[in-house]
Amino acid sequence: MAKLGKRTRAAREAFAGKDDVTVEEAVSLIKAHANAKFDETVEIAMNLGVDTRHADQMVRGVVGLPNGTGKAMRVAVFARGPKAEEAQAAGADIVGAEDLMEAIQGGNIDFDRCIATPDMMPVVGRLGKILGPRNLMPNPKVGTVTMDVKAAVEAAKGGEVQFKAEKGGVVHAGVGKASFDEAKIVENIRAFVAAVSAAKPAGAKGTYMKKIALSSTMGPGVTVDVANATGN
């Protein structure tokens, strides 16, 4: 068994016995032990009472975190003509049409968000098997298939986070950086939890939010009291 470093041991000892704490307590613990040589991301994982094999139990959505994510988002836009110019003016990192499709097919996926105008979807549709598994496929439900390219690019750059329940009903996302003030991380977490709560599908039965855990990129996790996180 690999020997644990001093920082890892100290973090685990500090987290031991800390279960179902308040969001504020969890954030304080995480910040105190996020000691990597880089600015760690504060991550949230939510276990939901849904079965994503059923269409009426799929959970997906988008939320603008009030204090941003702290991550520089690279945005690709499928558009032509004036809309391509609009995307570039709004700060998109990559703009194209068939040329962008071919680059992606060739394995060049150097972006974190993909936006498309509706007329470009026949082209983008050919990339479903590549972009879908990476949760990068443009979708009108989360505002990434739109004629308002400017607003979509600015939202992505400004800290908007997409979420989607994966196998087992787990939703996870980055909700800030360890260098953020505690209050800002807490505000981001509550905004994210509220968005997932609002996205409860009609087919969900029984307890919707089963478990919420927070961690930093390199640190141990701590479970959060669901009622405290949801404000109930």
Protein backbone atom coordinates (compact mmCIF):
# COMPACT_ATOMS: atom_id res chain seq x y z
CA MET A 1 0.00 0.00 0.00
CA ALA A 2 1.31 3.46 -0.90
CA LYS A 3 2.46 5.54 2.03
CA LEU A 4 0.36 8.65 2.63
CA GLY A 5 2.08 12.03 2.74
CA LYS A 6 1.90 14.26 5.80
CA ARG A 7 -0.61 16.64 4.21
CA THR A 8 -2.87 13.80 3.10
CA ARG A 9 -2.78 12.19 6.54
CA ALA A 10 -3.50 15.52 8.23
CA ALA A 11 -6.44 16.19 5.93
CA ARG A 12 -7.94 12.76 6.48
CA GLU A 13 -7.59 13.11 10.23
CA ALA A 14 -9.26 16.53 10.12
CA PHE A 15 -12.14 15.15 8.05
CA ALA A 16 -12.61 12.00 10.14
CA GLY A 17 -16.02 11.83 11.77
CA LYS A 18 -17.22 14.91 9.95
CA ASP A 19 -20.41 13.76 8.24
CA ASP A 20 -23.53 15.68 7.22
CA VAL A 21 -22.07 19.03 8.24
CA THR A 22 -23.35 22.42 7.10
CA VAL A 23 -22.20 23.86 3.80
CA GLU A 24 -20.25 26.51 5.70
CA GLU A 25 -18.42 23.93 7.84
CA ALA A 26 -17.59 21.83 4.79
CA VAL A 27 -16.18 24.79 2.87
CA SER A 28 -14.09 25.87 5.85
CA LEU A 29 -12.62 22.35 6.15
CA ILE A 30 -11.89 22.11 2.43
CA LYS A 31 -10.20 25.52 2.23
CA ALA A 32 -8.05 24.76 5.28
CA HIS A 33 -6.68 21.58 3.70
CA ALA A 34 -6.45 22.50 0.01
CA ASN A 35 -2.67 22.62 0.09
CA ALA A 36 -1.67 21.53 -3.41
CA LYS A 37 0.81 23.61 -5.39
CA PHE A 38 -2.02 24.82 -7.63
CA ASP A 39 -5.36 26.50 -6.96
CA GLU A 40 -7.57 23.49 -6.36
CA THR A 41 -11.14 23.35 -7.63
CA VAL A 42 -13.93 22.94 -5.10
CA GLU A 43 -16.07 20.09 -6.42
CA ILE A 44 -19.60 18.99 -5.63
CA ALA A 45 -21.06 15.52 -6.18
CA MET A 46 -24.77 14.90 -5.74
CA ASN A 47 -26.40 11.47 -5.63
CA LEU A 48 -29.95 11.76 -6.90
CA GLY A 49 -32.86 9.35 -6.66
CA VAL A 50 -33.27 9.00 -10.42
CA ASP A 51 -32.71 6.27 -12.98
CA THR A 52 -31.18 7.93 -16.03
CA ARG A 53 -32.11 4.94 -18.20
CA HIS A 54 -35.62 6.43 -18.26
CA ALA A 55 -36.15 9.60 -20.28
CA ASP A 56 -38.59 11.04 -17.73
CA GLN A 57 -35.94 10.81 -15.01
CA MET A 58 -33.12 12.58 -16.82
CA VAL A 59 -31.70 15.57 -14.96
CA ARG A 60 -29.90 18.27 -16.90
CA GLY A 61 -29.67 22.02 -16.84
CA VAL A 62 -27.49 25.06 -16.57
CA VAL A 63 -26.77 27.58 -13.82
CA GLY A 64 -24.85 30.81 -13.71
CA LEU A 65 -22.73 30.72 -10.56
CA PRO A 66 -22.91 34.14 -8.88
CA ASN A 67 -19.15 34.25 -8.32
CA GLY A 68 -17.99 32.34 -11.40
CA THR A 69 -15.99 29.13 -11.48
CA GLY A 70 -12.51 30.60 -11.45
CA LYS A 71 -11.76 28.57 -14.57
CA ALA A 72 -10.95 30.16 -17.91
CA MET A 73 -13.47 28.60 -20.28
CA ARG A 74 -12.53 27.93 -23.89
CA VAL A 75 -15.60 28.24 -26.10
CA ALA A 76 -16.12 26.84 -29.60
CA VAL A 77 -18.94 28.11 -31.80
CA PHE A 78 -20.42 26.59 -34.93
CA ALA A 79 -21.69 29.52 -37.00
CA ARG A 80 -21.43 31.20 -40.37
CA GLY A 81 -21.45 34.76 -41.66
CA PRO A 82 -22.67 37.51 -39.30
CA LYS A 83 -23.23 35.01 -36.48
CA ALA A 84 -19.64 33.83 -36.75
CA GLU A 85 -18.51 37.45 -36.53
CA GLU A 86 -20.79 37.96 -33.52
CA ALA A 87 -19.23 34.94 -31.80
CA GLN A 88 -15.72 36.22 -32.40
CA ALA A 89 -16.61 39.68 -31.11
CA ALA A 90 -18.12 38.12 -27.96
CA GLY A 91 -14.85 36.36 -27.19
CA ALA A 92 -15.29 32.85 -28.60
CA ASP A 93 -11.96 31.02 -28.80
CA ILE A 94 -12.79 28.92 -31.87
CA VAL A 95 -15.36 29.69 -34.57
CA GLY A 96 -16.05 27.61 -37.64
CA ALA A 97 -18.35 25.35 -39.63
CA GLU A 98 -17.28 22.30 -41.65
CA ASP A 99 -13.65 23.14 -40.91
CA LEU A 100 -14.34 22.98 -37.17
CA MET A 101 -16.23 19.71 -37.62
CA GLU A 102 -13.23 18.20 -39.42
CA ALA A 103 -10.85 19.42 -36.71
CA ILE A 104 -12.97 17.74 -34.04
CA GLN A 105 -13.19 14.54 -36.07
CA GLY A 106 -9.41 14.64 -36.21
CA GLY A 107 -9.21 14.68 -32.42
CA ASN A 108 -8.70 18.41 -31.88
CA ILE A 109 -11.11 19.15 -29.02
CA ASP A 110 -9.46 22.16 -27.41
CA PHE A 111 -12.55 23.69 -25.76
CA ASP A 112 -14.79 23.38 -22.71
CA ARG A 113 -18.13 24.50 -24.18
CA CYS A 114 -19.62 24.10 -27.65
CA ILE A 115 -22.30 26.44 -28.98
CA ALA A 116 -24.11 26.30 -32.33
CA THR A 117 -26.68 28.27 -34.26
CA PRO A 118 -29.72 26.13 -35.19
CA ASP A 119 -28.82 26.06 -38.89
CA MET A 120 -25.48 24.43 -38.04
CA MET A 121 -26.99 21.41 -36.27
CA PRO A 122 -26.93 19.15 -39.36
CA VAL A 123 -23.15 19.61 -39.34
CA VAL A 124 -22.80 19.33 -35.56
CA GLY A 125 -25.04 16.27 -35.53
CA ARG A 126 -22.29 14.26 -37.21
CA LEU A 127 -20.20 14.74 -34.08
CA GLY A 128 -22.66 13.20 -31.63
CA LYS A 129 -20.49 10.17 -30.84
CA ILE A 130 -17.52 12.43 -30.13
CA LEU A 131 -19.10 15.36 -28.29
CA GLY A 132 -21.94 13.48 -26.56
CA PRO A 133 -19.82 11.36 -24.18
CA ARG A 134 -17.86 14.50 -23.25
CA ASN A 135 -21.05 16.42 -22.43
CA LEU A 136 -20.09 18.96 -25.12
CA MET A 137 -22.94 18.42 -27.58
CA PRO A 138 -24.89 21.66 -28.13
CA ASN A 139 -28.42 21.40 -26.78
CA PRO A 140 -31.28 23.93 -26.86
CA LYS A 141 -32.34 22.87 -23.33
CA VAL A 142 -29.18 24.37 -21.87
CA GLY A 143 -28.98 27.33 -24.23
CA THR A 144 -26.11 26.12 -26.41
CA VAL A 145 -28.20 25.87 -29.58
CA THR A 146 -29.25 29.47 -30.08
CA MET A 147 -29.29 32.44 -32.41
CA ASP A 148 -28.21 34.65 -29.51
CA VAL A 149 -24.58 33.63 -29.87
CA LYS A 150 -23.29 36.69 -28.04
CA ALA A 151 -25.27 35.94 -24.87
CA ALA A 152 -24.33 32.25 -24.95
CA VAL A 153 -20.61 32.97 -25.30
CA GLU A 154 -20.67 35.62 -22.57
CA ALA A 155 -22.59 33.29 -20.22
CA ALA A 156 -20.06 30.50 -20.76
CA LYS A 157 -17.16 32.86 -20.17
CA GLY A 158 -18.87 34.37 -17.12
CA GLY A 159 -19.14 31.23 -15.00
CA GLU A 160 -22.16 29.36 -16.32
CA VAL A 161 -22.07 25.66 -15.43
CA GLN A 162 -23.90 22.86 -17.21
CA PHE A 163 -24.92 19.74 -15.32
CA LYS A 164 -26.24 16.35 -16.32
CA ALA A 165 -27.01 13.25 -14.28
CA GLU A 166 -24.68 10.43 -15.20
CA LYS A 167 -25.02 6.70 -14.69
CA GLY A 168 -26.18 6.02 -11.15
CA GLY A 169 -27.88 9.41 -10.90
CA VAL A 170 -24.72 11.32 -9.99
CA VAL A 171 -24.32 15.01 -10.84
CA HIS A 172 -20.92 16.61 -10.33
CA ALA A 173 -19.35 19.96 -11.12
CA GLY A 174 -16.72 22.47 -10.11
CA VAL A 175 -18.23 25.28 -8.05
CA GLY A 176 -15.25 27.57 -7.52
CA LYS A 177 -11.62 27.64 -6.50
CA ALA A 178 -10.08 27.06 -3.08
CA SER A 179 -8.66 30.59 -3.25
CA PHE A 180 -12.19 32.08 -3.27
CA ASP A 181 -13.57 33.62 -0.09
CA GLU A 182 -15.58 31.09 1.91
CA ALA A 183 -18.76 33.12 1.52
CA LYS A 184 -18.41 33.14 -2.29
CA ILE A 185 -17.91 29.38 -2.45
CA VAL A 186 -20.94 28.85 -0.21
CA GLU A 187 -23.03 31.14 -2.42
CA ASN A 188 -21.96 29.21 -5.52
CA ILE A 189 -22.76 25.86 -3.90
CA ARG A 190 -26.22 26.96 -2.84
CA ALA A 191 -26.92 28.32 -6.34
CA PHE A 192 -25.86 25.02 -7.88
CA VAL A 193 -27.91 22.91 -5.46
CA ALA A 194 -30.95 25.12 -6.08
CA ALA A 195 -30.61 24.66 -9.84
CA VAL A 196 -30.38 20.88 -9.55
CA SER A 197 -33.36 20.92 -7.20
CA ALA A 198 -35.38 22.96 -9.70
CA ALA A 199 -34.46 20.47 -12.44
CA LYS A 200 -36.20 17.59 -10.64
CA PRO A 201 -37.83 15.50 -13.37
CA ALA A 202 -41.46 14.49 -13.35
CA GLY A 203 -40.54 10.81 -13.21
CA ALA A 204 -38.45 11.04 -10.04
CA LYS A 205 -39.97 9.03 -7.19
CA GLY A 206 -39.15 9.02 -3.49
CA THR A 207 -36.19 10.97 -2.15
CA TYR A 208 -34.71 13.16 -4.89
CA MET A 209 -31.52 14.42 -3.25
CA LYS A 210 -29.96 11.48 -1.44
CA LYS A 211 -26.43 12.67 -0.74
CA ILE A 212 -24.26 15.73 -1.30
CA ALA A 213 -20.48 15.67 -0.92
CA LEU A 214 -17.86 18.37 -1.33
CA SER A 215 -14.12 18.10 -1.86
CA SER A 216 -11.14 19.87 -3.36
CA THR A 217 -9.28 18.45 -6.35
CA MET A 218 -6.66 16.68 -4.23
CA GLY A 219 -8.43 16.50 -0.89
CA PRO A 220 -10.79 14.08 0.83
CA GLY A 221 -14.54 14.53 0.62
CA VAL A 222 -17.04 15.56 3.25
CA THR A 223 -20.78 14.95 3.17
CA VAL A 224 -23.12 17.88 3.61
CA ASP A 225 -26.47 17.89 5.35
CA VAL A 226 -28.95 17.85 2.47
CA ALA A 227 -31.56 19.93 4.31
CA ASN A 228 -28.95 22.59 5.08
CA ALA A 229 -27.72 22.66 1.48
CA THR A 230 -31.23 23.01 0.07
CA GLY A 231 -32.40 25.47 2.71
CA ASN A 232 -35.24 23.22 3.83
